[in-house]
């Protein structure tokens, strides 16, 4: 397994738009079980928190740019490109059986590289991947999950979900990346007004990452209540007070199914929690389950 880290070139870090590109930032790669190379970076100090990106995101277009700097003074913040994204390899085939297991193996390789136990924080489909990692017994101390897209176990709903995944896979296979992005956003109920405000460069990123959408949909297809019941670590499941009832219902349903699950609603917008509130919640979980004896430490999550 190739896990040797190397410091980022200072000039590159200085010119990066990534808020986590700090002088103490270290990059590395990890080789997954099937040979896929997974690129990761870390910044900060303390026990690790690994951030798991949602659909259509990687480290260059990250859901965690606002959160990471708030965590780094207290924890070692680890970010990585999921397979087929950014500097990682493994672009497909995305619809083959075993895709979920491969992504779990990727995350296991990252955890081996940075050392555990770690807190996993996942957003949306990234939260589903974090759940699978914990259910597979990876070196995870606790989970913080934002709005994991968890349906129920109704057979008809499961069949519709698999049909949606197959539809996206066909679009990707035909090279129709733009259509795949549009169909994905339509299918998950992104408000039209939000889509209308998408800048052209963001749209281009979505289309670049479109082939990986099938991985995210397969995560949804293969996450059942039995998956959650197999998770034995503490899990905080968060929703945004600004989200629609279906999204907040995801969080409540997941928390109820997890043996050690709790549920909180935090300030935010549609499918997005305010970074300061989320950082406080993550740090509270870290103090309880990853930093024994540090319950009175200062920081955004301290209640003392």
C-alpha atoms as a PDB file:
ATOM      1  CA  UNK A   1       0.000   0.000   0.000  1.00  0.00           C
ATOM      2  CA  UNK A   2       1.397   3.376  -1.071  1.00  0.00           C
ATOM      3  CA  UNK A   3       0.664   5.829   1.731  1.00  0.00           C
ATOM      4  CA  UNK A   4       3.778   8.008   1.866  1.00  0.00           C
ATOM      5  CA  UNK A   5       2.809  11.652   2.479  1.00  0.00           C
ATOM      6  CA  UNK A   6       4.678  14.610   1.043  1.00  0.00           C
ATOM      7  CA  UNK A   7       4.412  18.339   1.854  1.00  0.00           C
ATOM      8  CA  UNK A   8       2.618  20.536  -0.654  1.00  0.00           C
ATOM      9  CA  UNK A   9       4.814  22.943  -2.610  1.00  0.00           C
ATOM     10  CA  UNK A  10       4.495  26.350  -0.842  1.00  0.00           C
ATOM     11  CA  UNK A  11       3.926  28.214  -4.092  1.00  0.00           C
ATOM     12  CA  UNK A  12       1.135  25.839  -5.023  1.00  0.00           C
ATOM     13  CA  UNK A  13      -0.444  26.173  -1.602  1.00  0.00           C
ATOM     14  CA  UNK A  14      -0.223  29.964  -1.724  1.00  0.00           C
ATOM     15  CA  UNK A  15      -1.998  30.053  -5.054  1.00  0.00           C
ATOM     16  CA  UNK A  16      -4.729  27.582  -4.172  1.00  0.00           C
ATOM     17  CA  UNK A  17      -8.326  28.622  -3.690  1.00  0.00           C
ATOM     18  CA  UNK A  18      -8.685  25.823  -1.172  1.00  0.00           C
ATOM     19  CA  UNK A  19      -8.983  27.252   2.379  1.00  0.00           C
ATOM     20  CA  UNK A  20      -7.348  24.082   3.727  1.00  0.00           C
ATOM     21  CA  UNK A  21      -4.181  24.753   1.685  1.00  0.00           C
ATOM     22  CA  UNK A  22      -2.200  25.885   4.734  1.00  0.00           C
ATOM     23  CA  UNK A  23       1.558  25.640   5.430  1.00  0.00           C
ATOM     24  CA  UNK A  24       1.027  22.516   7.538  1.00  0.00           C
ATOM     25  CA  UNK A  25      -0.924  20.789   4.787  1.00  0.00           C
ATOM     26  CA  UNK A  26       0.415  17.389   3.771  1.00  0.00           C
ATOM     27  CA  UNK A  27      -0.629  15.359   0.737  1.00  0.00           C
ATOM     28  CA  UNK A  28      -0.372  11.645   0.148  1.00  0.00           C
ATOM     29  CA  UNK A  29      -1.785   8.727  -1.772  1.00  0.00           C
ATOM     30  CA  UNK A  30      -3.144   5.391  -0.645  1.00  0.00           C
ATOM     31  CA  UNK A  31      -3.514   2.291  -2.800  1.00  0.00           C
ATOM     32  CA  UNK A  32      -6.879   0.602  -2.450  1.00  0.00           C
ATOM     33  CA  UNK A  33      -7.345  -3.169  -2.474  1.00  0.00           C
ATOM     34  CA  UNK A  34      -8.007  -3.258  -6.235  1.00  0.00           C
ATOM     35  CA  UNK A  35      -5.018  -1.024  -7.035  1.00  0.00           C
ATOM     36  CA  UNK A  36      -6.936   2.241  -7.345  1.00  0.00           C
ATOM     37  CA  UNK A  37      -4.830   5.191  -6.160  1.00  0.00           C
ATOM     38  CA  UNK A  38      -6.689   7.451  -3.738  1.00  0.00           C
ATOM     39  CA  UNK A  39      -5.341  10.979  -3.232  1.00  0.00           C
ATOM     40  CA  UNK A  40      -5.724  12.586   0.190  1.00  0.00           C
ATOM     41  CA  UNK A  41      -4.505  15.535   2.213  1.00  0.00           C
ATOM     42  CA  UNK A  42      -4.449  16.475   5.864  1.00  0.00           C
ATOM     43  CA  UNK A  43      -4.132  19.675   7.851  1.00  0.00           C
ATOM     44  CA  UNK A  44      -4.421  20.618  11.508  1.00  0.00           C
ATOM     45  CA  UNK A  45      -3.449  18.677  14.610  1.00  0.00           C
ATOM     46  CA  UNK A  46      -5.042  16.085  16.845  1.00  0.00           C
ATOM     47  CA  UNK A  47      -7.021  12.907  16.200  1.00  0.00           C
ATOM     48  CA  UNK A  48      -8.312  12.556  12.631  1.00  0.00           C
ATOM     49  CA  UNK A  49     -11.671  13.505  11.198  1.00  0.00           C
ATOM     50  CA  UNK A  50     -12.142  12.245   7.645  1.00  0.00           C
ATOM     51  CA  UNK A  51     -14.514  14.269   5.467  1.00  0.00           C
ATOM     52  CA  UNK A  52     -16.444  12.248   2.871  1.00  0.00           C
ATOM     53  CA  UNK A  53     -17.640  14.267  -0.123  1.00  0.00           C
ATOM     54  CA  UNK A  54     -21.167  14.024  -1.589  1.00  0.00           C
ATOM     55  CA  UNK A  55     -22.119  13.512  -5.225  1.00  0.00           C
ATOM     56  CA  UNK A  56     -20.485  15.803  -7.813  1.00  0.00           C
ATOM     57  CA  UNK A  57     -17.784  17.034  -5.410  1.00  0.00           C
ATOM     58  CA  UNK A  58     -14.070  16.440  -4.934  1.00  0.00           C
ATOM     59  CA  UNK A  59     -11.295  18.330  -3.144  1.00  0.00           C
ATOM     60  CA  UNK A  60     -11.078  20.941  -5.920  1.00  0.00           C
ATOM     61  CA  UNK A  61     -14.812  21.602  -5.607  1.00  0.00           C
ATOM     62  CA  UNK A  62     -15.494  20.618  -2.038  1.00  0.00           C
ATOM     63  CA  UNK A  63     -18.529  20.700   0.206  1.00  0.00           C
ATOM     64  CA  UNK A  64     -16.167  21.238   3.149  1.00  0.00           C
ATOM     65  CA  UNK A  65     -14.168  24.365   2.305  1.00  0.00           C
ATOM     66  CA  UNK A  66     -15.963  26.343   5.007  1.00  0.00           C
ATOM     67  CA  UNK A  67     -15.986  23.567   7.596  1.00  0.00           C
ATOM     68  CA  UNK A  68     -12.389  22.335   7.398  1.00  0.00           C
ATOM     69  CA  UNK A  69     -10.696  25.519   8.725  1.00  0.00           C
ATOM     70  CA  UNK A  70     -13.039  25.516  11.735  1.00  0.00           C
ATOM     71  CA  UNK A  71     -12.041  21.959  12.644  1.00  0.00           C
ATOM     72  CA  UNK A  72      -8.292  22.144  11.931  1.00  0.00           C
ATOM     73  CA  UNK A  73      -7.317  23.941  15.186  1.00  0.00           C
ATOM     74  CA  UNK A  74      -8.707  20.982  17.135  1.00  0.00           C
ATOM     75  CA  UNK A  75      -8.457  17.913  14.869  1.00  0.00           C
ATOM     76  CA  UNK A  76      -6.400  16.589  11.979  1.00  0.00           C
ATOM     77  CA  UNK A  77      -8.715  17.226   9.042  1.00  0.00           C
ATOM     78  CA  UNK A  78      -8.377  14.618   6.292  1.00  0.00           C
ATOM     79  CA  UNK A  79      -9.929  15.111   2.873  1.00  0.00           C
ATOM     80  CA  UNK A  80      -9.696  12.776  -0.087  1.00  0.00           C
ATOM     81  CA  UNK A  81     -10.857  12.404  -3.668  1.00  0.00           C
ATOM     82  CA  UNK A  82     -13.259   9.514  -3.951  1.00  0.00           C
ATOM     83  CA  UNK A  83     -12.432   7.122  -6.804  1.00  0.00           C
ATOM     84  CA  UNK A  84     -12.862   8.600 -10.256  1.00  0.00           C
ATOM     85  CA  UNK A  85     -12.580  12.156  -8.912  1.00  0.00           C
ATOM     86  CA  UNK A  86      -9.809  14.724  -8.774  1.00  0.00           C
ATOM     87  CA  UNK A  87      -6.354  13.204  -8.385  1.00  0.00           C
ATOM     88  CA  UNK A  88      -7.647   9.694  -7.625  1.00  0.00           C
ATOM     89  CA  UNK A  89      -7.852   6.983 -10.264  1.00  0.00           C
ATOM     90  CA  UNK A  90     -10.593   4.411 -10.813  1.00  0.00           C
ATOM     91  CA  UNK A  91     -13.075   6.077 -13.146  1.00  0.00           C
ATOM     92  CA  UNK A  92     -15.223   3.042 -13.779  1.00  0.00           C
ATOM     93  CA  UNK A  93     -17.029   0.951 -14.668  1.00  0.00           C
ATOM     94  CA  UNK A  94     -19.319   2.599 -12.128  1.00  0.00           C
ATOM     95  CA  UNK A  95     -22.399   0.428 -12.347  1.00  0.00           C
ATOM     96  CA  UNK A  96     -20.738  -2.923 -11.746  1.00  0.00           C
ATOM     97  CA  UNK A  97     -21.732  -4.891  -8.636  1.00  0.00           C
ATOM     98  CA  UNK A  98     -19.231  -4.322  -5.879  1.00  0.00           C
ATOM     99  CA  UNK A  99     -18.897  -0.570  -6.416  1.00  0.00           C
ATOM    100  CA  UNK A 100     -19.935   0.148  -2.825  1.00  0.00           C
ATOM    101  CA  UNK A 101     -17.435  -2.358  -1.460  1.00  0.00           C
ATOM    102  CA  UNK A 102     -14.678  -0.783  -3.568  1.00  0.00           C
ATOM    103  CA  UNK A 103     -15.432   2.648  -2.111  1.00  0.00           C
ATOM    104  CA  UNK A 104     -15.332   1.186   1.403  1.00  0.00           C
ATOM    105  CA  UNK A 105     -11.929  -0.308   0.573  1.00  0.00           C
ATOM    106  CA  UNK A 106     -10.785   3.110  -0.667  1.00  0.00           C
ATOM    107  CA  UNK A 107     -11.757   4.689   2.634  1.00  0.00           C
ATOM    108  CA  UNK A 108     -10.049   1.863   4.519  1.00  0.00           C
ATOM    109  CA  UNK A 109      -6.836   2.649   2.623  1.00  0.00           C
ATOM    110  CA  UNK A 110      -7.089   6.318   3.600  1.00  0.00           C
ATOM    111  CA  UNK A 111      -7.648   5.383   7.251  1.00  0.00           C
ATOM    112  CA  UNK A 112      -4.619   3.089   7.131  1.00  0.00           C
ATOM    113  CA  UNK A 113      -2.570   5.985   5.745  1.00  0.00           C
ATOM    114  CA  UNK A 114      -3.571   8.595   8.316  1.00  0.00           C
ATOM    115  CA  UNK A 115      -4.085   6.305  11.315  1.00  0.00           C
ATOM    116  CA  UNK A 116      -7.173   5.712  13.385  1.00  0.00           C
ATOM    117  CA  UNK A 117      -9.489   5.568  15.046  1.00  0.00           C
ATOM    118  CA  UNK A 118     -11.098   8.439  13.161  1.00  0.00           C
ATOM    119  CA  UNK A 119     -14.319  10.364  13.237  1.00  0.00           C
ATOM    120  CA  UNK A 120     -16.082  10.180   9.856  1.00  0.00           C
ATOM    121  CA  UNK A 121     -18.156  13.111   8.667  1.00  0.00           C
ATOM    122  CA  UNK A 122     -20.199  12.546   5.539  1.00  0.00           C
ATOM    123  CA  UNK A 123     -22.630  14.780   3.701  1.00  0.00           C
ATOM    124  CA  UNK A 124     -25.556  13.390   1.684  1.00  0.00           C
ATOM    125  CA  UNK A 125     -24.325  10.369  -0.332  1.00  0.00           C
ATOM    126  CA  UNK A 126     -20.990  10.772   1.464  1.00  0.00           C
ATOM    127  CA  UNK A 127     -22.910  10.056   4.656  1.00  0.00           C
ATOM    128  CA  UNK A 128     -24.107   6.774   3.148  1.00  0.00           C
ATOM    129  CA  UNK A 129     -20.512   5.813   2.372  1.00  0.00           C
ATOM    130  CA  UNK A 130     -19.520   6.644   5.960  1.00  0.00           C
ATOM    131  CA  UNK A 131     -22.326   4.387   7.192  1.00  0.00           C
ATOM    132  CA  UNK A 132     -21.112   1.501   5.036  1.00  0.00           C
ATOM    133  CA  UNK A 133     -17.555   2.030   6.281  1.00  0.00           C
ATOM    134  CA  UNK A 134     -18.697   1.792   9.893  1.00  0.00           C
ATOM    135  CA  UNK A 135     -20.924  -1.211   9.150  1.00  0.00           C
ATOM    136  CA  UNK A 136     -17.906  -2.982   7.602  1.00  0.00           C
ATOM    137  CA  UNK A 137     -15.941  -2.491  10.827  1.00  0.00           C
ATOM    138  CA  UNK A 138     -13.398   0.099   9.692  1.00  0.00           C
ATOM    139  CA  UNK A 139     -11.405   1.906  12.404  1.00  0.00           C
ATOM    140  CA  UNK A 140     -14.124   4.468  13.114  1.00  0.00           C
ATOM    141  CA  UNK A 141     -14.772   6.030  16.521  1.00  0.00           C
ATOM    142  CA  UNK A 142     -17.976   7.902  15.650  1.00  0.00           C
ATOM    143  CA  UNK A 143     -20.003   9.358  12.787  1.00  0.00           C
ATOM    144  CA  UNK A 144     -21.478  12.775  12.047  1.00  0.00           C
ATOM    145  CA  UNK A 145     -23.857  12.557   9.097  1.00  0.00           C
ATOM    146  CA  UNK A 146     -25.727  15.334   7.297  1.00  0.00           C
ATOM    147  CA  UNK A 147     -28.982  14.325   5.607  1.00  0.00           C
ATOM    148  CA  UNK A 148     -28.089  10.837   4.343  1.00  0.00           C
ATOM    149  CA  UNK A 149     -30.526  10.063   1.477  1.00  0.00           C
ATOM    150  CA  UNK A 150     -32.125   7.065   3.126  1.00  0.00           C
ATOM    151  CA  UNK A 151     -35.350   5.784   1.633  1.00  0.00           C
ATOM    152  CA  UNK A 152     -37.476   3.158   3.281  1.00  0.00           C
ATOM    153  CA  UNK A 153     -37.378  -0.553   2.554  1.00  0.00           C
ATOM    154  CA  UNK A 154     -40.553  -0.564   0.457  1.00  0.00           C
ATOM    155  CA  UNK A 155     -39.914  -2.934  -2.489  1.00  0.00           C
ATOM    156  CA  UNK A 156     -41.567  -0.619  -5.020  1.00  0.00           C
ATOM    157  CA  UNK A 157     -39.433   2.328  -3.912  1.00  0.00           C
ATOM    158  CA  UNK A 158     -36.314   0.174  -4.063  1.00  0.00           C
ATOM    159  CA  UNK A 159     -37.212  -0.886  -7.606  1.00  0.00           C
ATOM    160  CA  UNK A 160     -37.713   2.732  -8.687  1.00  0.00           C
ATOM    161  CA  UNK A 161     -34.349   3.639  -7.181  1.00  0.00           C
ATOM    162  CA  UNK A 162     -32.596   0.898  -9.135  1.00  0.00           C
ATOM    163  CA  UNK A 163     -34.349   2.013 -12.337  1.00  0.00           C
ATOM    164  CA  UNK A 164     -33.104   5.564 -11.744  1.00  0.00           C
ATOM    165  CA  UNK A 165     -29.551   4.290 -11.278  1.00  0.00           C
ATOM    166  CA  UNK A 166     -29.799   2.263 -14.491  1.00  0.00           C
ATOM    167  CA  UNK A 167     -31.079   5.328 -16.352  1.00  0.00           C
ATOM    168  CA  UNK A 168     -28.115   7.413 -15.194  1.00  0.00           C
ATOM    169  CA  UNK A 169     -25.705   4.602 -16.054  1.00  0.00           C
ATOM    170  CA  UNK A 170     -27.095   4.475 -19.592  1.00  0.00           C
ATOM    171  CA  UNK A 171     -26.691   8.238 -20.027  1.00  0.00           C
ATOM    172  CA  UNK A 172     -23.108   8.106 -18.779  1.00  0.00           C
ATOM    173  CA  UNK A 173     -22.297   5.120 -20.998  1.00  0.00           C
ATOM    174  CA  UNK A 174     -23.615   7.088 -23.985  1.00  0.00           C
ATOM    175  CA  UNK A 175     -21.371  10.049 -23.144  1.00  0.00           C
ATOM    176  CA  UNK A 176     -24.357  12.233 -22.272  1.00  0.00           C
ATOM    177  CA  UNK A 177     -22.823  13.750 -19.147  1.00  0.00           C
ATOM    178  CA  UNK A 178     -24.892  16.955 -19.257  1.00  0.00           C
ATOM    179  CA  UNK A 179     -28.118  14.961 -19.508  1.00  0.00           C
ATOM    180  CA  UNK A 180     -26.988  12.734 -16.634  1.00  0.00           C
ATOM    181  CA  UNK A 181     -26.426  15.785 -14.417  1.00  0.00           C
ATOM    182  CA  UNK A 182     -29.838  17.218 -15.323  1.00  0.00           C
ATOM    183  CA  UNK A 183     -31.612  13.922 -14.706  1.00  0.00           C
ATOM    184  CA  UNK A 184     -29.834  13.446 -11.380  1.00  0.00           C
ATOM    185  CA  UNK A 185     -30.816  16.887 -10.114  1.00  0.00           C
ATOM    186  CA  UNK A 186     -34.378  16.398 -11.302  1.00  0.00           C
ATOM    187  CA  UNK A 187     -34.565  13.000  -9.651  1.00  0.00           C
ATOM    188  CA  UNK A 188     -33.336  14.144  -6.244  1.00  0.00           C
ATOM    189  CA  UNK A 189     -35.599  17.202  -6.215  1.00  0.00           C
ATOM    190  CA  UNK A 190     -33.125  20.081  -6.394  1.00  0.00           C
ATOM    191  CA  UNK A 191     -35.245  23.266  -6.485  1.00  0.00           C
ATOM    192  CA  UNK A 192     -35.325  24.797  -9.995  1.00  0.00           C
ATOM    193  CA  UNK A 193     -34.367  28.203  -8.596  1.00  0.00           C
ATOM    194  CA  UNK A 194     -31.186  26.696  -7.158  1.00  0.00           C
ATOM    195  CA  UNK A 195     -30.274  25.111 -10.488  1.00  0.00           C
ATOM    196  CA  UNK A 196     -30.905  28.387 -12.298  1.00  0.00           C
ATOM    197  CA  UNK A 197     -28.228  30.047 -10.154  1.00  0.00           C
ATOM    198  CA  UNK A 198     -25.515  27.482 -10.973  1.00  0.00           C
ATOM    199  CA  UNK A 199     -22.443  29.334 -12.358  1.00  0.00           C
ATOM    200  CA  UNK A 200     -21.000  28.028 -15.645  1.00  0.00           C
ATOM    201  CA  UNK A 201     -17.754  26.850 -14.015  1.00  0.00           C
ATOM    202  CA  UNK A 202     -19.700  24.865 -11.419  1.00  0.00           C
ATOM    203  CA  UNK A 203     -21.832  23.365 -14.151  1.00  0.00           C
ATOM    204  CA  UNK A 204     -18.651  22.317 -15.967  1.00  0.00           C
ATOM    205  CA  UNK A 205     -17.426  20.625 -12.774  1.00  0.00           C
ATOM    206  CA  UNK A 206     -20.703  18.753 -12.436  1.00  0.00           C
ATOM    207  CA  UNK A 207     -20.382  17.436 -15.978  1.00  0.00           C
ATOM    208  CA  UNK A 208     -16.753  16.445 -15.400  1.00  0.00           C
ATOM    209  CA  UNK A 209     -17.803  14.381 -12.384  1.00  0.00           C
ATOM    210  CA  UNK A 210     -21.000  13.017 -13.963  1.00  0.00           C
ATOM    211  CA  UNK A 211     -19.614   9.478 -14.472  1.00  0.00           C
ATOM    212  CA  UNK A 212     -19.280   9.110 -10.696  1.00  0.00           C
ATOM    213  CA  UNK A 213     -22.992   9.763 -10.135  1.00  0.00           C
ATOM    214  CA  UNK A 214     -23.681   6.079 -10.615  1.00  0.00           C
ATOM    215  CA  UNK A 215     -21.473   5.282  -7.603  1.00  0.00           C
ATOM    216  CA  UNK A 216     -23.546   7.633  -5.455  1.00  0.00           C
ATOM    217  CA  UNK A 217     -26.817   6.175  -6.681  1.00  0.00           C
ATOM    218  CA  UNK A 218     -25.593   2.651  -5.993  1.00  0.00           C
ATOM    219  CA  UNK A 219     -24.820   3.741  -2.433  1.00  0.00           C
ATOM    220  CA  UNK A 220     -28.469   4.698  -2.101  1.00  0.00           C
ATOM    221  CA  UNK A 221     -29.646   1.448  -3.690  1.00  0.00           C
ATOM    222  CA  UNK A 222     -27.558  -0.656  -1.323  1.00  0.00           C
ATOM    223  CA  UNK A 223     -28.168   1.194   1.945  1.00  0.00           C
ATOM    224  CA  UNK A 224     -30.938  -0.521   3.871  1.00  0.00           C
ATOM    225  CA  UNK A 225     -32.146  -0.451   7.434  1.00  0.00           C
ATOM    226  CA  UNK A 226     -30.080  -3.602   7.974  1.00  0.00           C
ATOM    227  CA  UNK A 227     -26.984  -1.602   6.948  1.00  0.00           C
ATOM    228  CA  UNK A 228     -27.730   0.922   9.671  1.00  0.00           C
ATOM    229  CA  UNK A 229     -28.450  -1.739  12.282  1.00  0.00           C
ATOM    230  CA  UNK A 230     -24.932  -3.108  11.685  1.00  0.00           C
ATOM    231  CA  UNK A 231     -23.344   0.217  12.705  1.00  0.00           C
ATOM    232  CA  UNK A 232     -22.146  -0.105  16.303  1.00  0.00           C
ATOM    233  CA  UNK A 233     -20.425   3.250  16.780  1.00  0.00           C
ATOM    234  CA  UNK A 234     -22.114   6.451  17.997  1.00  0.00           C
ATOM    235  CA  UNK A 235     -23.698   8.433  15.169  1.00  0.00           C
ATOM    236  CA  UNK A 236     -25.053  11.973  15.178  1.00  0.00           C
ATOM    237  CA  UNK A 237     -27.434  12.521  12.259  1.00  0.00           C
ATOM    238  CA  UNK A 238     -28.034  16.159  11.389  1.00  0.00           C
ATOM    239  CA  UNK A 239     -30.553  17.934   9.226  1.00  0.00           C
ATOM    240  CA  UNK A 240     -30.870  21.561   8.195  1.00  0.00           C
ATOM    241  CA  UNK A 241     -33.743  23.622   9.536  1.00  0.00           C
ATOM    242  CA  UNK A 242     -34.010  25.066   6.018  1.00  0.00           C
ATOM    243  CA  UNK A 243     -34.424  21.715   4.272  1.00  0.00           C
ATOM    244  CA  UNK A 244     -37.619  20.231   2.897  1.00  0.00           C
ATOM    245  CA  UNK A 245     -39.548  17.584   4.865  1.00  0.00           C
ATOM    246  CA  UNK A 246     -38.239  14.710   2.751  1.00  0.00           C
ATOM    247  CA  UNK A 247     -34.629  15.593   3.602  1.00  0.00           C
ATOM    248  CA  UNK A 248     -35.285  16.124   7.296  1.00  0.00           C
ATOM    249  CA  UNK A 249     -37.186  12.847   7.244  1.00  0.00           C
ATOM    250  CA  UNK A 250     -34.070  11.105   5.934  1.00  0.00           C
ATOM    251  CA  UNK A 251     -32.123  12.249   8.976  1.00  0.00           C
ATOM    252  CA  UNK A 252     -34.815  11.297  11.474  1.00  0.00           C
ATOM    253  CA  UNK A 253     -35.272   7.867   9.881  1.00  0.00           C
ATOM    254  CA  UNK A 254     -31.544   7.171   9.904  1.00  0.00           C
ATOM    255  CA  UNK A 255     -31.101   8.223  13.527  1.00  0.00           C
ATOM    256  CA  UNK A 256     -34.007   6.032  14.621  1.00  0.00           C
ATOM    257  CA  UNK A 257     -32.557   2.977  12.853  1.00  0.00           C
ATOM    258  CA  UNK A 258     -29.000   3.354  14.155  1.00  0.00           C
ATOM    259  CA  UNK A 259     -28.376   1.464  17.423  1.00  0.00           C
ATOM    260  CA  UNK A 260     -26.470   4.456  18.862  1.00  0.00           C
ATOM    261  CA  UNK A 261     -27.998   7.182  16.740  1.00  0.00           C
ATOM    262  CA  UNK A 262     -29.057  10.683  17.789  1.00  0.00           C
ATOM    263  CA  UNK A 263     -30.755  13.365  15.722  1.00  0.00           C
ATOM    264  CA  UNK A 264     -30.303  17.146  15.708  1.00  0.00           C
ATOM    265  CA  UNK A 265     -31.640  19.939  13.542  1.00  0.00           C
ATOM    266  CA  UNK A 266     -29.204  22.813  12.919  1.00  0.00           C
ATOM    267  CA  UNK A 267     -29.507  26.197  11.197  1.00  0.00           C
ATOM    268  CA  UNK A 268     -29.019  26.163   7.446  1.00  0.00           C
ATOM    269  CA  UNK A 269     -30.465  26.338   3.958  1.00  0.00           C
ATOM    270  CA  UNK A 270     -31.960  23.665   1.694  1.00  0.00           C
ATOM    271  CA  UNK A 271     -29.709  20.588   2.068  1.00  0.00           C
ATOM    272  CA  UNK A 272     -26.946  22.583   3.726  1.00  0.00           C
ATOM    273  CA  UNK A 273     -26.052  23.224   7.378  1.00  0.00           C
ATOM    274  CA  UNK A 274     -24.298  26.427   8.492  1.00  0.00           C
ATOM    275  CA  UNK A 275     -20.571  25.732   8.867  1.00  0.00           C
ATOM    276  CA  UNK A 276     -20.229  27.214  12.356  1.00  0.00           C
ATOM    277  CA  UNK A 277     -23.143  25.187  13.711  1.00  0.00           C
ATOM    278  CA  UNK A 278     -21.887  22.027  12.034  1.00  0.00           C
ATOM    279  CA  UNK A 279     -18.332  22.546  13.314  1.00  0.00           C
ATOM    280  CA  UNK A 280     -19.667  22.888  16.843  1.00  0.00           C
ATOM    281  CA  UNK A 281     -21.597  19.635  16.483  1.00  0.00           C
ATOM    282  CA  UNK A 282     -18.605  17.760  15.037  1.00  0.00           C
ATOM    283  CA  UNK A 283     -16.342  18.992  17.823  1.00  0.00           C
ATOM    284  CA  UNK A 284     -18.882  18.001  20.465  1.00  0.00           C
ATOM    285  CA  UNK A 285     -18.901  14.455  19.079  1.00  0.00           C
ATOM    286  CA  UNK A 286     -15.101  14.425  18.869  1.00  0.00           C
ATOM    287  CA  UNK A 287     -14.753  15.511  22.493  1.00  0.00           C
ATOM    288  CA  UNK A 288     -17.105  12.794  23.645  1.00  0.00           C
ATOM    289  CA  UNK A 289     -15.811   9.895  21.569  1.00  0.00           C
ATOM    290  CA  UNK A 290     -12.380  10.782  20.158  1.00  0.00           C
ATOM    291  CA  UNK A 291     -10.810  13.112  22.726  1.00  0.00           C
ATOM    292  CA  UNK A 292     -11.323  11.510  26.153  1.00  0.00           C
ATOM    293  CA  UNK A 293     -10.604  13.953  28.933  1.00  0.00           C
ATOM    294  CA  UNK A 294     -10.937  16.976  26.643  1.00  0.00           C
ATOM    295  CA  UNK A 295     -14.565  17.774  27.303  1.00  0.00           C
ATOM    296  CA  UNK A 296     -13.699  21.212  28.638  1.00  0.00           C
ATOM    297  CA  UNK A 297     -11.462  22.214  25.732  1.00  0.00           C
ATOM    298  CA  UNK A 298     -12.093  25.586  24.167  1.00  0.00           C
ATOM    299  CA  UNK A 299     -13.407  25.956  20.654  1.00  0.00           C
ATOM    300  CA  UNK A 300     -16.620  26.337  18.655  1.00  0.00           C
ATOM    301  CA  UNK A 301     -18.117  23.181  20.099  1.00  0.00           C
ATOM    302  CA  UNK A 302     -17.348  23.848  23.763  1.00  0.00           C
ATOM    303  CA  UNK A 303     -20.312  24.274  26.041  1.00  0.00           C
ATOM    304  CA  UNK A 304     -18.171  25.220  29.001  1.00  0.00           C
END
